Amino acid sequence: MRAALHDMANVLAGIQGVLELTDPGRPLGVRDKDRLDAVVVEGMATLERARHLAMGTFPEAALQEGPDWRAQLLDELKPMGVLFKCAFAVTFEARGGTDQWPGARLRSYLRAVARQALPYVRDHLLTIRCAAEPTRWCIRMEPVSFLPEGLAARDPERPGDIGARWAWALAVPLGVALTCDDGGLSMQVPRP
């Protein structure tokens, strides 16, 4: 509850910041409107994650065709790109596995991990490399210099933000193995 209240206070502070820095006599400019939209979208994602955590539910994991899945992932990452002034690139490599991915559940996990990693990304570009193997999906986020604190060690007593708690919660049903090496975060997700 404490984490949800903290994160929602940050959302409201972000909205207030955009509004306070805008000239009250003029309508919002494109940049300020984009920032305000991004804060609201990320706030709604935080609220949805908190609701799922409170109810013990998860997003759908039904398989989805790779091109659609990656396009939706890029669209869902755009608000974070506006807030953190960075860009995202998503690539795909077939390694003998079918190009189908576990829907909204894996995308939601990747968004939560990306949110934790963005403060450590160099050069304002986060590349997400997706590879389909016969027995697992492999995802790598680069460049990330080290494992973000919120993902390093799970301590239920330690206050953490909703994004980190969400990533930990989704890691279990997805079976994710997360490691950091050679300037990137690597995730292996077993195929059912």
C-alpha atoms as a PDB file:
ATOM      1  CA  MET A   1       0.000   0.000   0.000  1.00  0.00           C
ATOM      2  CA  ARG A   2       2.833   2.336   0.886  1.00  0.00           C
ATOM      3  CA  ALA A   3       4.453   1.747  -2.531  1.00  0.00           C
ATOM      4  CA  ALA A   4       1.180   2.423  -4.362  1.00  0.00           C
ATOM      5  CA  LEU A   5       0.623   5.665  -2.467  1.00  0.00           C
ATOM      6  CA  HIS A   6       4.205   6.772  -3.142  1.00  0.00           C
ATOM      7  CA  ASP A   7       3.953   6.027  -6.864  1.00  0.00           C
ATOM      8  CA  MET A   8       0.555   7.710  -7.215  1.00  0.00           C
ATOM      9  CA  ALA A   9       1.915  10.788  -5.415  1.00  0.00           C
ATOM     10  CA  ASN A  10       4.697  10.870  -8.037  1.00  0.00           C
ATOM     11  CA  VAL A  11       2.116  10.714 -10.836  1.00  0.00           C
ATOM     12  CA  LEU A  12       0.164  13.636  -9.397  1.00  0.00           C
ATOM     13  CA  ALA A  13       3.398  15.587  -8.845  1.00  0.00           C
ATOM     14  CA  GLY A  14       4.302  14.986 -12.496  1.00  0.00           C
ATOM     15  CA  ILE A  15       0.939  16.330 -13.651  1.00  0.00           C
ATOM     16  CA  GLN A  16       1.239  19.310 -11.334  1.00  0.00           C
ATOM     17  CA  GLY A  17       4.782  19.991 -12.595  1.00  0.00           C
ATOM     18  CA  VAL A  18       3.689  20.102 -16.240  1.00  0.00           C
ATOM     19  CA  LEU A  19       0.771  22.382 -15.412  1.00  0.00           C
ATOM     20  CA  GLU A  20       2.844  24.735 -13.234  1.00  0.00           C
ATOM     21  CA  LEU A  21       5.524  25.146 -15.902  1.00  0.00           C
ATOM     22  CA  THR A  22       2.943  25.980 -18.569  1.00  0.00           C
ATOM     23  CA  ASP A  23       1.917  29.572 -19.260  1.00  0.00           C
ATOM     24  CA  PRO A  24      -1.649  29.802 -17.877  1.00  0.00           C
ATOM     25  CA  GLY A  25      -2.655  32.258 -20.605  1.00  0.00           C
ATOM     26  CA  ARG A  26      -1.828  29.857 -23.427  1.00  0.00           C
ATOM     27  CA  PRO A  27      -2.935  26.336 -24.309  1.00  0.00           C
ATOM     28  CA  LEU A  28      -0.531  23.463 -23.774  1.00  0.00           C
ATOM     29  CA  GLY A  29       2.151  23.179 -26.419  1.00  0.00           C
ATOM     30  CA  VAL A  30       2.794  19.892 -28.204  1.00  0.00           C
ATOM     31  CA  ARG A  31       5.769  19.042 -25.947  1.00  0.00           C
ATOM     32  CA  ASP A  32       3.859  19.748 -22.737  1.00  0.00           C
ATOM     33  CA  LYS A  33       0.783  17.879 -23.976  1.00  0.00           C
ATOM     34  CA  ASP A  34       2.952  14.866 -24.833  1.00  0.00           C
ATOM     35  CA  ARG A  35       4.561  14.976 -21.377  1.00  0.00           C
ATOM     36  CA  LEU A  36       1.183  15.271 -19.671  1.00  0.00           C
ATOM     37  CA  ASP A  37      -0.228  12.376 -21.725  1.00  0.00           C
ATOM     38  CA  ALA A  38       2.838  10.252 -20.864  1.00  0.00           C
ATOM     39  CA  VAL A  39       2.482  10.965 -17.128  1.00  0.00           C
ATOM     40  CA  VAL A  40      -1.200  10.011 -17.226  1.00  0.00           C
ATOM     41  CA  VAL A  41      -0.556   6.798 -19.237  1.00  0.00           C
ATOM     42  CA  GLU A  42       2.243   5.728 -16.880  1.00  0.00           C
ATOM     43  CA  GLY A  43       0.040   6.638 -13.899  1.00  0.00           C
ATOM     44  CA  MET A  44      -2.731   4.418 -15.226  1.00  0.00           C
ATOM     45  CA  ALA A  45      -0.202   1.587 -15.721  1.00  0.00           C
ATOM     46  CA  THR A  46       0.912   2.021 -12.102  1.00  0.00           C
ATOM     47  CA  LEU A  47      -2.687   1.942 -10.919  1.00  0.00           C
ATOM     48  CA  GLU A  48      -3.398  -1.198 -12.997  1.00  0.00           C
ATOM     49  CA  ARG A  49      -0.293  -2.915 -11.589  1.00  0.00           C
ATOM     50  CA  ALA A  50      -1.291  -2.008  -8.024  1.00  0.00           C
ATOM     51  CA  ARG A  51      -4.788  -3.390  -8.643  1.00  0.00           C
ATOM     52  CA  HIS A  52      -3.383  -6.652 -10.043  1.00  0.00           C
ATOM     53  CA  LEU A  53      -0.987  -6.956  -7.091  1.00  0.00           C
ATOM     54  CA  ALA A  54      -3.778  -6.331  -4.578  1.00  0.00           C
ATOM     55  CA  MET A  55      -6.086  -8.862  -6.261  1.00  0.00           C
ATOM     56  CA  GLY A  56      -3.389 -11.447  -7.076  1.00  0.00           C
ATOM     57  CA  THR A  57      -4.207 -11.474 -10.805  1.00  0.00           C
ATOM     58  CA  PHE A  58      -2.051 -11.257 -13.935  1.00  0.00           C
ATOM     59  CA  PRO A  59      -2.532 -10.066 -17.536  1.00  0.00           C
ATOM     60  CA  GLU A  60      -3.277 -12.573 -20.306  1.00  0.00           C
ATOM     61  CA  ALA A  61      -0.436 -14.809 -21.467  1.00  0.00           C
ATOM     62  CA  ALA A  62      -2.097 -16.171 -24.635  1.00  0.00           C
ATOM     63  CA  LEU A  63       0.421 -16.464 -27.466  1.00  0.00           C
ATOM     64  CA  GLN A  64       0.490 -13.632 -29.947  1.00  0.00           C
ATOM     65  CA  GLU A  65       2.178 -13.362 -33.349  1.00  0.00           C
ATOM     66  CA  GLY A  66       5.640 -11.814 -33.030  1.00  0.00           C
ATOM     67  CA  PRO A  67       5.308  -8.764 -35.322  1.00  0.00           C
ATOM     68  CA  ASP A  68       2.077  -7.660 -33.580  1.00  0.00           C
ATOM     69  CA  TRP A  69       3.538  -8.362 -30.137  1.00  0.00           C
ATOM     70  CA  ARG A  70       6.675  -6.283 -30.836  1.00  0.00           C
ATOM     71  CA  ALA A  71       4.664  -3.414 -32.363  1.00  0.00           C
ATOM     72  CA  GLN A  72       2.437  -3.315 -29.265  1.00  0.00           C
ATOM     73  CA  LEU A  73       5.520  -3.393 -27.016  1.00  0.00           C
ATOM     74  CA  LEU A  74       6.982  -0.361 -28.820  1.00  0.00           C
ATOM     75  CA  ASP A  75       3.661   1.520 -28.523  1.00  0.00           C
ATOM     76  CA  GLU A  76       3.442   0.709 -24.798  1.00  0.00           C
ATOM     77  CA  LEU A  77       7.027   1.931 -24.231  1.00  0.00           C
ATOM     78  CA  LYS A  78       6.500   5.324 -25.934  1.00  0.00           C
ATOM     79  CA  PRO A  79       5.225   7.160 -22.820  1.00  0.00           C
ATOM     80  CA  MET A  80       8.371   6.155 -20.907  1.00  0.00           C
ATOM     81  CA  GLY A  81      10.433   7.404 -23.830  1.00  0.00           C
ATOM     82  CA  VAL A  82       8.812  10.824 -23.495  1.00  0.00           C
ATOM     83  CA  LEU A  83       9.326  10.945 -19.715  1.00  0.00           C
ATOM     84  CA  PHE A  84      12.933   9.722 -19.779  1.00  0.00           C
ATOM     85  CA  LYS A  85      13.880  11.420 -23.066  1.00  0.00           C
ATOM     86  CA  CYS A  86      15.014   8.192 -24.631  1.00  0.00           C
ATOM     87  CA  ALA A  87      14.178   5.988 -27.567  1.00  0.00           C
ATOM     88  CA  PHE A  88      13.520   2.272 -27.857  1.00  0.00           C
ATOM     89  CA  ALA A  89      14.481  -0.180 -30.569  1.00  0.00           C
ATOM     90  CA  VAL A  90      13.085  -3.711 -30.711  1.00  0.00           C
ATOM     91  CA  THR A  91      14.790  -6.356 -32.835  1.00  0.00           C
ATOM     92  CA  PHE A  92      13.985 -10.005 -33.537  1.00  0.00           C
ATOM     93  CA  GLU A  93      16.077 -13.049 -34.315  1.00  0.00           C
ATOM     94  CA  ALA A  94      14.671 -16.503 -35.110  1.00  0.00           C
ATOM     95  CA  ARG A  95      16.747 -19.268 -33.578  1.00  0.00           C
ATOM     96  CA  GLY A  96      14.579 -22.220 -34.506  1.00  0.00           C
ATOM     97  CA  GLY A  97      11.561 -21.275 -32.376  1.00  0.00           C
ATOM     98  CA  THR A  98       8.215 -20.029 -33.612  1.00  0.00           C
ATOM     99  CA  ASP A  99       7.710 -16.272 -33.589  1.00  0.00           C
ATOM    100  CA  GLN A 100       4.889 -16.247 -31.056  1.00  0.00           C
ATOM    101  CA  TRP A 101       5.145 -14.502 -27.677  1.00  0.00           C
ATOM    102  CA  PRO A 102       3.199 -14.684 -24.374  1.00  0.00           C
ATOM    103  CA  GLY A 103       0.951 -11.663 -24.921  1.00  0.00           C
ATOM    104  CA  ALA A 104       0.299  -8.877 -22.458  1.00  0.00           C
ATOM    105  CA  ARG A 105       1.930 -10.699 -19.548  1.00  0.00           C
ATOM    106  CA  LEU A 106       5.451 -10.651 -20.994  1.00  0.00           C
ATOM    107  CA  ARG A 107       5.018  -7.133 -22.401  1.00  0.00           C
ATOM    108  CA  SER A 108       3.936  -5.918 -18.963  1.00  0.00           C
ATOM    109  CA  TYR A 109       6.971  -7.582 -17.383  1.00  0.00           C
ATOM    110  CA  LEU A 110       9.318  -5.985 -19.942  1.00  0.00           C
ATOM    111  CA  ARG A 111       7.783  -2.554 -19.375  1.00  0.00           C
ATOM    112  CA  ALA A 112       8.320  -2.911 -15.621  1.00  0.00           C
ATOM    113  CA  VAL A 113      11.939  -4.013 -16.105  1.00  0.00           C
ATOM    114  CA  ALA A 114      12.566  -1.213 -18.626  1.00  0.00           C
ATOM    115  CA  ARG A 115      11.187   1.310 -16.120  1.00  0.00           C
ATOM    116  CA  GLN A 116      13.715   0.076 -13.553  1.00  0.00           C
ATOM    117  CA  ALA A 117      16.571   0.097 -16.091  1.00  0.00           C
ATOM    118  CA  LEU A 118      15.983   3.482 -17.774  1.00  0.00           C
ATOM    119  CA  PRO A 119      17.881   5.553 -15.182  1.00  0.00           C
ATOM    120  CA  TYR A 120      20.980   3.438 -15.995  1.00  0.00           C
ATOM    121  CA  VAL A 121      20.715   3.477 -19.801  1.00  0.00           C
ATOM    122  CA  ARG A 122      23.501   5.214 -21.651  1.00  0.00           C
ATOM    123  CA  ASP A 123      23.138   7.191 -24.876  1.00  0.00           C
ATOM    124  CA  HIS A 124      19.340   7.543 -24.505  1.00  0.00           C
ATOM    125  CA  LEU A 125      18.556   4.422 -26.532  1.00  0.00           C
ATOM    126  CA  LEU A 126      17.386   1.145 -25.018  1.00  0.00           C
ATOM    127  CA  THR A 127      17.595  -1.745 -27.468  1.00  0.00           C
ATOM    128  CA  ILE A 128      15.423  -4.765 -26.719  1.00  0.00           C
ATOM    129  CA  ARG A 129      16.672  -7.827 -28.588  1.00  0.00           C
ATOM    130  CA  CYS A 130      14.107 -10.631 -28.845  1.00  0.00           C
ATOM    131  CA  ALA A 131      15.047 -14.140 -29.906  1.00  0.00           C
ATOM    132  CA  ALA A 132      12.773 -17.167 -30.254  1.00  0.00           C
ATOM    133  CA  GLU A 133      14.361 -20.519 -29.510  1.00  0.00           C
ATOM    134  CA  PRO A 134      12.591 -23.901 -29.530  1.00  0.00           C
ATOM    135  CA  THR A 135      12.502 -24.156 -25.705  1.00  0.00           C
ATOM    136  CA  ARG A 136      12.619 -20.523 -24.576  1.00  0.00           C
ATOM    137  CA  TRP A 137      12.274 -16.864 -25.428  1.00  0.00           C
ATOM    138  CA  CYS A 138      15.403 -14.762 -24.927  1.00  0.00           C
ATOM    139  CA  ILE A 139      15.263 -11.014 -24.388  1.00  0.00           C
ATOM    140  CA  ARG A 140      18.197  -8.675 -23.846  1.00  0.00           C
ATOM    141  CA  MET A 141      18.051  -4.969 -22.952  1.00  0.00           C
ATOM    142  CA  GLU A 142      21.163  -2.961 -23.864  1.00  0.00           C
ATOM    143  CA  PRO A 143      23.008  -0.906 -22.764  1.00  0.00           C
ATOM    144  CA  VAL A 144      22.310  -1.311 -19.061  1.00  0.00           C
ATOM    145  CA  SER A 145      25.437  -1.010 -16.943  1.00  0.00           C
ATOM    146  CA  PHE A 146      24.228  -2.992 -13.915  1.00  0.00           C
ATOM    147  CA  LEU A 147      21.236  -4.738 -12.409  1.00  0.00           C
ATOM    148  CA  PRO A 148      18.843  -2.059 -11.093  1.00  0.00           C
ATOM    149  CA  GLU A 149      18.477  -2.041  -7.304  1.00  0.00           C
ATOM    150  CA  GLY A 150      14.739  -2.748  -7.437  1.00  0.00           C
ATOM    151  CA  LEU A 151      15.400  -5.971  -9.366  1.00  0.00           C
ATOM    152  CA  ALA A 152      18.583  -7.075  -7.584  1.00  0.00           C
ATOM    153  CA  ALA A 153      17.235  -8.568  -4.375  1.00  0.00           C
ATOM    154  CA  ARG A 154      13.634  -9.069  -3.383  1.00  0.00           C
ATOM    155  CA  ASP A 155      12.892  -8.101   0.205  1.00  0.00           C
ATOM    156  CA  PRO A 156       9.143  -7.994   0.961  1.00  0.00           C
ATOM    157  CA  GLU A 157       9.821  -5.728   3.954  1.00  0.00           C
ATOM    158  CA  ARG A 158      11.753  -3.189   1.895  1.00  0.00           C
ATOM    159  CA  PRO A 159       9.630  -0.428   0.433  1.00  0.00           C
ATOM    160  CA  GLY A 160       9.842  -0.542  -3.317  1.00  0.00           C
ATOM    161  CA  ASP A 161       7.989   1.026  -6.166  1.00  0.00           C
ATOM    162  CA  ILE A 162       5.100  -0.719  -7.861  1.00  0.00           C
ATOM    163  CA  GLY A 163       7.129  -1.323 -11.038  1.00  0.00           C
ATOM    164  CA  ALA A 164       9.770  -3.373  -9.180  1.00  0.00           C
ATOM    165  CA  ARG A 165       7.133  -5.270  -7.200  1.00  0.00           C
ATOM    166  CA  TRP A 166       5.241  -5.961 -10.436  1.00  0.00           C
ATOM    167  CA  ALA A 167       8.383  -7.271 -12.161  1.00  0.00           C
ATOM    168  CA  TRP A 168       9.030  -9.615  -9.218  1.00  0.00           C
ATOM    169  CA  ALA A 169       5.405 -10.801  -9.200  1.00  0.00           C
ATOM    170  CA  LEU A 170       5.350 -11.546 -12.955  1.00  0.00           C
ATOM    171  CA  ALA A 171       8.753 -13.249 -12.936  1.00  0.00           C
ATOM    172  CA  VAL A 172       7.267 -16.233 -11.083  1.00  0.00           C
ATOM    173  CA  PRO A 173       4.422 -17.260 -13.451  1.00  0.00           C
ATOM    174  CA  LEU A 174       6.589 -16.474 -16.485  1.00  0.00           C
ATOM    175  CA  GLY A 175       9.534 -18.441 -15.058  1.00  0.00           C
ATOM    176  CA  VAL A 176      11.931 -15.610 -15.931  1.00  0.00           C
ATOM    177  CA  ALA A 177      15.650 -15.927 -15.234  1.00  0.00           C
ATOM    178  CA  LEU A 178      17.119 -12.386 -15.117  1.00  0.00           C
ATOM    179  CA  THR A 179      20.851 -11.681 -15.226  1.00  0.00           C
ATOM    180  CA  CYS A 180      23.071  -8.686 -15.915  1.00  0.00           C
ATOM    181  CA  ASP A 181      26.318  -9.121 -17.822  1.00  0.00           C
ATOM    182  CA  ASP A 182      28.476  -7.341 -20.379  1.00  0.00           C
ATOM    183  CA  GLY A 183      26.399  -4.154 -20.365  1.00  0.00           C
ATOM    184  CA  GLY A 184      22.949  -5.651 -20.666  1.00  0.00           C
ATOM    185  CA  LEU A 185      20.047  -7.290 -18.868  1.00  0.00           C
ATOM    186  CA  SER A 186      19.294 -10.789 -20.158  1.00  0.00           C
ATOM    187  CA  MET A 187      16.032 -12.630 -19.608  1.00  0.00           C
ATOM    188  CA  GLN A 188      15.221 -16.219 -20.468  1.00  0.00           C
ATOM    189  CA  VAL A 189      11.576 -17.268 -20.408  1.00  0.00           C
ATOM    190  CA  PRO A 190      10.845 -20.995 -20.818  1.00  0.00           C
ATOM    191  CA  ARG A 191       8.232 -21.986 -23.363  1.00  0.00           C
ATOM    192  CA  PRO A 192       5.342 -23.958 -21.842  1.00  0.00           C
END
